[in-house]
Amino acid sequence: MNTPALVARPASRPQPPVHPAPVWTVDAVLALFELPLPDLLFQAQASLRAHFDPNAVQRSTLLSIKTGNCSEDCGYCSQSKRHQTGLESQRLLSTEEVLAAAKAAKEQGAGRFCMGAAWRGPKEKDMAAVNEMVRAVKALGLETCVTLGILKDGQAEQLKEAGLDYYNHNLDTAPEYYGDVVTTHTYQDRLDTLHGVREAGLKVCSGGIVGMGETRQHRAGLIAKLASLDPPPESVPINNLVPIPGTPLAGSNPVDIFEFVRTIAAARITMPHSYVRLSAGREQMSEAEQALCFLAGANSMFYGDQLLTTSNPGVERDNALFEKLGLHGV
């Protein structure tokens, strides 16, 4: 009787050790801020290059689909009805108006179209119109994002069903400083909305604003809070405050450009898989200052002449800057 030959089994390969994601405490992020700037930029560039094309910049265009007369008291915002800014309120745009703006944005090279409405949160009667806008913009082949404020139960699911890709809801600043900026809703309200967005299967866009009178520790606290979200936001807008006459923060002193760059770099290092967006305040920056932000790991930007209510560098100006820096849009 022939005995079957034994078949040698391949030796099991040792599995690489699993390294948990670092826990970014405020102190750990603060230590990044305090590095010599060349060391910080080196770390930020290494993080960018490990996960992205370092010369590609994601371009988003932002449109206000409903402007002004907001019930909230956000100290930086021109759209609050509590602030005397002279802003003219505007009804909710029609889908046709939004679609025309989205088509123009795509023709100019934007890859994502973001729609913002000045509400505490959308009423249920407004959701059908917003969902129709999302479907129409998505049909153009653009990524879609909306920022509508605090969502009620079921609204994130409606947006997901309409084809929405990203929901934006910024944390603005560190938890302990938030009450100095906003009093009509809480930090937890914002976190609850982000949790609902995640539960609905949407991608998260969440960042903050620099230059509202906060300290470096507050800036580190904002980055630590964003990085500790599970998972961190896929898109992280870092805004440099544009002080608007009539708002409580109109007299805020601007943050030094190197401190702003440190904030960008800290976001890049702590959230290596996220797009870090150079957002509001870019028009006030020189080309060299913007280049430093890209060097610090920013790989996304708002693209187009207008943000919600403030101006932005024109498309031709941005295209010229990209050519000088050897960058390309995606």
Protein backbone atom coordinates (compact mmCIF):
# COMPACT_ATOMS: atom_id res chain seq x y z
CA MET A 1 0.00 0.00 0.00
CA ASN A 2 1.46 3.28 -1.03
CA THR A 3 1.62 5.90 1.66
CA PRO A 4 0.71 9.35 0.28
CA ALA A 5 3.55 11.82 0.38
CA LEU A 6 3.32 14.47 2.99
CA VAL A 7 2.75 17.94 1.55
CA ALA A 8 4.92 20.55 3.15
CA ARG A 9 2.93 23.46 4.42
CA PRO A 10 4.43 26.89 3.94
CA ALA A 11 5.66 28.36 7.14
CA SER A 12 3.33 31.03 8.40
CA ARG A 13 4.73 34.47 7.81
CA PRO A 14 5.22 36.67 10.81
CA GLN A 15 2.63 39.43 10.86
CA PRO A 16 3.82 43.00 11.20
CA PRO A 17 3.07 44.49 14.58
CA VAL A 18 -0.07 46.59 14.78
CA HIS A 19 0.74 50.13 15.82
CA PRO A 20 -2.28 51.99 17.18
CA ALA A 21 -2.84 55.50 15.96
CA PRO A 22 -1.13 58.02 18.23
CA VAL A 23 -3.25 59.71 20.84
CA TRP A 24 -2.88 63.41 20.24
CA THR A 25 -3.25 65.17 23.56
CA VAL A 26 -3.18 68.94 23.80
CA ASP A 27 0.32 68.73 25.29
CA ALA A 28 1.52 66.52 22.42
CA VAL A 29 0.17 68.95 19.82
CA LEU A 30 1.56 71.90 21.74
CA ALA A 31 4.98 70.26 21.56
CA LEU A 32 4.66 70.30 17.76
CA PHE A 33 3.86 74.02 17.78
CA GLU A 34 6.99 74.65 19.84
CA LEU A 35 9.41 72.88 17.50
CA PRO A 36 11.85 75.00 15.50
CA LEU A 37 9.98 75.91 12.33
CA PRO A 38 12.34 74.04 9.94
CA ASP A 39 11.90 70.84 12.00
CA LEU A 40 8.13 71.26 12.06
CA LEU A 41 7.96 71.83 8.30
CA PHE A 42 10.19 68.81 7.68
CA GLN A 43 7.81 66.58 9.67
CA ALA A 44 4.79 68.05 7.92
CA GLN A 45 6.29 67.50 4.45
CA ALA A 46 7.21 63.93 5.34
CA SER A 47 3.62 63.30 6.44
CA LEU A 48 2.21 64.84 3.26
CA ARG A 49 4.52 62.88 0.98
CA ALA A 50 3.75 59.59 2.72
CA HIS A 51 0.06 59.81 1.83
CA PHE A 52 -0.50 62.29 -1.03
CA ASP A 53 0.98 63.64 -4.23
CA PRO A 54 2.84 66.60 -2.66
CA ASN A 55 2.24 68.81 -5.69
CA ALA A 56 -1.51 68.21 -6.03
CA VAL A 57 -4.03 70.57 -4.44
CA GLN A 58 -7.70 69.64 -4.09
CA ARG A 59 -9.83 72.61 -5.19
CA SER A 60 -13.29 73.33 -3.75
CA THR A 61 -15.70 76.10 -4.70
CA LEU A 62 -18.09 77.44 -2.05
CA LEU A 63 -21.52 78.96 -2.72
CA SER A 64 -23.91 80.56 -0.24
CA ILE A 65 -27.28 79.04 -1.09
CA LYS A 66 -29.09 80.97 1.66
CA THR A 67 -27.53 84.12 3.08
CA GLY A 68 -28.06 86.06 6.32
CA ASN A 69 -30.76 86.32 8.99
CA CYS A 70 -29.25 83.47 11.02
CA SER A 71 -30.47 83.09 14.61
CA GLU A 72 -27.04 82.16 16.03
CA ASP A 73 -24.51 84.54 17.57
CA CYS A 74 -21.17 83.19 16.23
CA GLY A 75 -18.82 86.09 16.93
CA TYR A 76 -16.97 85.88 13.62
CA CYS A 77 -19.99 85.66 11.32
CA SER A 78 -21.49 88.41 9.19
CA GLN A 79 -24.69 86.41 8.70
CA SER A 80 -26.03 86.56 12.26
CA LYS A 81 -29.14 88.72 12.61
CA ARG A 82 -27.72 89.73 16.01
CA HIS A 83 -24.83 91.62 14.35
CA GLN A 84 -25.12 94.88 12.44
CA THR A 85 -22.93 94.13 9.43
CA GLY A 86 -25.04 95.59 6.65
CA LEU A 87 -25.31 92.21 4.95
CA GLU A 88 -28.36 91.83 2.74
CA SER A 89 -30.28 88.63 3.42
CA GLN A 90 -30.98 86.29 0.53
CA ARG A 91 -33.61 83.60 0.12
CA LEU A 92 -32.74 79.99 -0.57
CA LEU A 93 -31.49 79.79 -4.15
CA SER A 94 -33.24 77.68 -6.74
CA THR A 95 -31.68 74.47 -8.02
CA GLU A 96 -31.22 76.15 -11.40
CA GLU A 97 -29.16 78.98 -9.83
CA VAL A 98 -27.02 76.52 -7.89
CA LEU A 99 -26.51 74.31 -10.93
CA ALA A 100 -25.33 77.25 -13.04
CA ALA A 101 -22.73 78.14 -10.37
CA ALA A 102 -21.62 74.51 -10.11
CA LYS A 103 -21.16 74.21 -13.87
CA ALA A 104 -19.03 77.36 -13.89
CA ALA A 105 -16.93 76.01 -10.99
CA LYS A 106 -16.31 72.74 -12.79
CA GLU A 107 -15.30 74.55 -15.98
CA GLN A 108 -12.76 76.54 -13.96
CA GLY A 109 -11.23 73.35 -12.53
CA ALA A 110 -12.92 72.80 -9.16
CA GLY A 111 -13.29 69.18 -8.08
CA ARG A 112 -15.73 69.72 -5.21
CA PHE A 113 -18.72 72.05 -4.90
CA CYS A 114 -19.72 73.18 -1.41
CA MET A 115 -23.10 74.72 -0.56
CA GLY A 116 -23.65 76.69 2.64
CA ALA A 117 -26.87 77.95 4.24
CA ALA A 118 -27.11 80.40 7.14
CA TRP A 119 -29.32 78.43 9.51
CA ARG A 120 -29.08 77.14 13.05
CA GLY A 121 -30.13 74.00 11.23
CA PRO A 122 -32.39 73.18 8.28
CA LYS A 123 -36.12 72.94 8.75
CA GLU A 124 -37.67 69.78 7.38
CA LYS A 125 -39.46 71.81 4.70
CA ASP A 126 -36.07 72.94 3.35
CA MET A 127 -34.60 69.47 3.01
CA ALA A 128 -36.33 68.56 -0.26
CA ALA A 129 -34.85 71.60 -2.01
CA VAL A 130 -31.36 70.99 -0.62
CA ASN A 131 -31.49 67.32 -1.56
CA GLU A 132 -32.48 68.29 -5.10
CA MET A 133 -29.46 70.62 -5.29
CA VAL A 134 -27.15 67.83 -4.11
CA ARG A 135 -28.50 65.43 -6.76
CA ALA A 136 -28.12 68.01 -9.52
CA VAL A 137 -24.53 68.94 -8.60
CA LYS A 138 -23.56 65.29 -8.12
CA ALA A 139 -24.85 64.54 -11.63
CA LEU A 140 -22.22 66.95 -13.00
CA GLY A 141 -19.47 64.65 -11.72
CA LEU A 142 -18.43 66.97 -8.88
CA GLU A 143 -17.92 65.94 -5.27
CA THR A 144 -20.64 67.50 -3.13
CA CYS A 145 -20.49 69.13 0.29
CA VAL A 146 -23.04 71.09 2.30
CA THR A 147 -22.88 73.07 5.52
CA LEU A 148 -26.35 73.60 6.97
CA GLY A 149 -25.74 73.88 10.71
CA ILE A 150 -27.02 71.50 13.37
CA LEU A 151 -28.84 68.51 11.89
CA LYS A 152 -31.94 66.87 13.30
CA ASP A 153 -32.47 63.11 13.45
CA GLY A 154 -32.80 61.61 9.99
CA GLN A 155 -31.52 64.62 8.04
CA ALA A 156 -28.01 63.26 7.52
CA GLU A 157 -29.56 60.07 6.16
CA GLN A 158 -31.61 62.11 3.69
CA LEU A 159 -28.49 63.87 2.47
CA LYS A 160 -26.67 60.57 2.09
CA GLU A 161 -29.57 59.20 0.06
CA ALA A 162 -29.39 62.27 -2.20
CA GLY A 163 -25.75 61.47 -2.97
CA LEU A 164 -23.93 63.89 -0.67
CA ASP A 165 -20.22 63.18 -0.19
CA TYR A 166 -19.14 65.56 2.62
CA TYR A 167 -20.88 67.38 5.44
CA ASN A 168 -19.07 70.43 6.85
CA HIS A 169 -19.50 71.41 10.47
CA ASN A 170 -16.50 73.17 12.02
CA LEU A 171 -15.53 72.89 15.67
CA ASP A 172 -14.18 76.46 15.35
CA THR A 173 -11.80 76.40 18.34
CA ALA A 174 -10.82 74.50 21.48
CA PRO A 175 -13.66 73.35 23.77
CA GLU A 176 -12.65 75.65 26.63
CA TYR A 177 -12.59 78.76 24.41
CA TYR A 178 -15.76 78.03 22.48
CA GLY A 179 -18.04 79.93 24.88
CA ASP A 180 -16.06 83.11 24.17
CA VAL A 181 -17.05 82.86 20.50
CA VAL A 182 -20.54 81.28 20.46
CA THR A 183 -23.26 81.13 23.14
CA THR A 184 -26.44 80.08 21.29
CA HIS A 185 -25.37 76.46 20.87
CA THR A 186 -22.78 74.29 22.56
CA TYR A 187 -19.64 72.45 21.56
CA GLN A 188 -21.50 69.22 22.26
CA ASP A 189 -24.17 70.26 19.74
CA ARG A 190 -21.45 70.37 17.11
CA LEU A 191 -19.98 67.04 18.16
CA ASP A 192 -23.44 65.45 18.10
CA THR A 193 -24.00 66.63 14.52
CA LEU A 194 -20.62 65.23 13.45
CA HIS A 195 -21.49 61.92 15.11
CA GLY A 196 -24.81 61.78 13.23
CA VAL A 197 -23.06 62.56 9.96
CA ARG A 198 -20.63 59.68 10.52
CA GLU A 199 -23.44 57.32 11.47
CA ALA A 200 -25.17 58.12 8.18
CA GLY A 201 -22.06 57.12 6.23
CA LEU A 202 -21.06 60.61 5.09
CA LYS A 203 -17.52 61.97 5.01
CA VAL A 204 -16.72 64.71 7.50
CA CYS A 205 -15.33 68.15 6.78
CA SER A 206 -14.46 69.91 10.04
CA GLY A 207 -11.84 72.43 11.05
CA GLY A 208 -11.58 75.77 12.76
CA ILE A 209 -10.66 79.42 12.75
CA VAL A 210 -7.38 80.99 13.82
CA GLY A 211 -7.14 84.60 14.98
CA MET A 212 -10.21 84.94 17.23
CA GLY A 213 -8.19 86.01 20.27
CA GLU A 214 -7.34 82.45 21.25
CA THR A 215 -3.96 81.37 22.65
CA ARG A 216 -1.51 78.91 21.16
CA GLN A 217 -2.78 76.34 23.65
CA HIS A 218 -6.30 76.86 22.31
CA ARG A 219 -5.04 76.31 18.77
CA ALA A 220 -3.33 73.12 19.91
CA GLY A 221 -6.57 72.13 21.66
CA LEU A 222 -8.56 72.53 18.45
CA ILE A 223 -6.14 70.35 16.49
CA ALA A 224 -6.06 67.74 19.26
CA LYS A 225 -9.86 67.59 19.34
CA LEU A 226 -10.12 67.17 15.57
CA ALA A 227 -7.39 64.52 15.50
CA SER A 228 -9.10 62.59 18.31
CA LEU A 229 -12.36 62.19 16.37
CA ASP A 230 -12.76 58.54 15.36
CA PRO A 231 -11.90 58.67 12.53
CA PRO A 232 -10.52 62.18 12.02
CA PRO A 233 -12.25 64.36 9.40
CA GLU A 234 -11.38 63.55 5.80
CA SER A 235 -11.24 67.30 5.15
CA VAL A 236 -9.88 69.88 7.62
CA PRO A 237 -10.38 73.56 6.71
CA ILE A 238 -8.10 75.95 8.58
CA ASN A 239 -9.49 79.49 8.36
CA ASN A 240 -7.60 82.69 9.12
CA LEU A 241 -10.17 85.09 10.58
CA VAL A 242 -11.33 87.86 8.28
CA PRO A 243 -12.54 90.48 10.81
CA ILE A 244 -15.89 91.82 9.63
CA PRO A 245 -17.11 95.24 10.84
CA GLY A 246 -20.18 94.86 13.02
CA THR A 247 -19.23 91.46 14.43
CA PRO A 248 -17.92 91.02 17.99
CA LEU A 249 -14.55 89.89 16.63
CA ALA A 250 -14.11 92.84 14.29
CA GLY A 251 -11.25 94.21 16.40
CA SER A 252 -9.30 90.97 16.70
CA ASN A 253 -5.56 91.21 16.18
CA PRO A 254 -4.32 89.11 13.26
CA VAL A 255 -2.27 86.02 14.02
CA ASP A 256 1.34 86.07 12.90
CA ILE A 257 1.75 84.17 9.61
CA PHE A 258 4.27 81.80 11.16
CA GLU A 259 1.76 80.87 13.87
CA PHE A 260 -0.83 80.21 11.18
CA VAL A 261 1.68 78.04 9.31
CA ARG A 262 2.40 76.12 12.52
CA THR A 263 -1.33 75.41 12.81
CA ILE A 264 -1.42 74.06 9.26
CA ALA A 265 1.63 71.88 9.93
CA ALA A 266 0.20 70.53 13.19
CA ALA A 267 -3.02 69.56 11.37
CA ARG A 268 -1.01 67.80 8.65
CA ILE A 269 1.09 65.79 11.13
CA THR A 270 -1.77 64.78 13.42
CA MET A 271 -4.20 63.97 10.60
CA PRO A 272 -1.93 62.52 7.92
CA HIS A 273 -4.70 61.00 5.77
CA SER A 274 -6.84 64.17 5.71
CA TYR A 275 -7.00 66.98 3.19
CA VAL A 276 -5.90 70.12 5.04
CA ARG A 277 -7.59 73.10 3.43
CA LEU A 278 -6.21 76.61 3.23
CA SER A 279 -9.52 78.43 3.62
CA ALA A 280 -10.79 81.92 4.57
CA GLY A 281 -8.23 84.70 4.84
CA ARG A 282 -6.16 83.60 1.86
CA GLU A 283 -6.83 86.81 -0.06
CA GLN A 284 -4.97 88.75 2.62
CA MET A 285 -1.88 86.53 2.23
CA SER A 286 1.01 87.17 -0.12
CA GLU A 287 2.07 84.53 -2.61
CA ALA A 288 5.08 83.71 -0.42
CA GLU A 289 2.84 83.23 2.63
CA GLN A 290 0.53 80.93 0.72
CA ALA A 291 3.53 78.97 -0.58
CA LEU A 292 4.68 78.50 3.01
CA CYS A 293 1.25 77.08 3.88
CA PHE A 294 1.51 74.55 1.05
CA LEU A 295 5.00 73.68 2.25
CA ALA A 296 3.50 73.12 5.72
CA GLY A 297 1.18 70.48 4.32
CA ALA A 298 -1.94 72.27 3.08
CA ASN A 299 -3.17 70.30 0.07
CA SER A 300 -6.63 71.76 -0.43
CA MET A 301 -8.01 75.25 -0.98
CA PHE A 302 -11.16 77.19 -1.65
CA TYR A 303 -11.10 78.14 -5.31
CA GLY A 304 -13.11 80.94 -6.88
CA ASP A 305 -13.73 84.64 -6.39
CA GLN A 306 -16.14 84.38 -3.44
CA LEU A 307 -16.58 82.40 -0.24
CA LEU A 308 -19.88 82.64 1.66
CA THR A 309 -19.81 86.41 2.23
CA THR A 310 -16.11 87.30 1.91
CA SER A 311 -13.94 87.57 -1.18
CA ASN A 312 -11.29 85.09 -2.27
CA PRO A 313 -8.37 85.34 -4.71
CA GLY A 314 -9.57 85.17 -8.30
CA VAL A 315 -9.16 82.04 -10.41
CA GLU A 316 -6.59 83.64 -12.71
CA ARG A 317 -4.50 84.73 -9.73
CA ASP A 318 -4.60 81.22 -8.28
CA ASN A 319 -3.72 79.62 -11.60
CA ALA A 320 -0.72 81.92 -11.90
CA LEU A 321 0.41 80.99 -8.38
CA PHE A 322 0.08 77.28 -9.17
CA GLU A 323 2.23 77.75 -12.24
CA LYS A 324 4.93 79.53 -10.24
CA LEU A 325 4.95 76.80 -7.58
CA GLY A 326 4.62 73.84 -9.94
CA LEU A 327 1.35 72.73 -8.36
CA HIS A 328 -1.66 71.23 -10.09
CA GLY A 329 -5.30 71.11 -9.10
CA VAL A 330 -7.43 68.02 -8.55
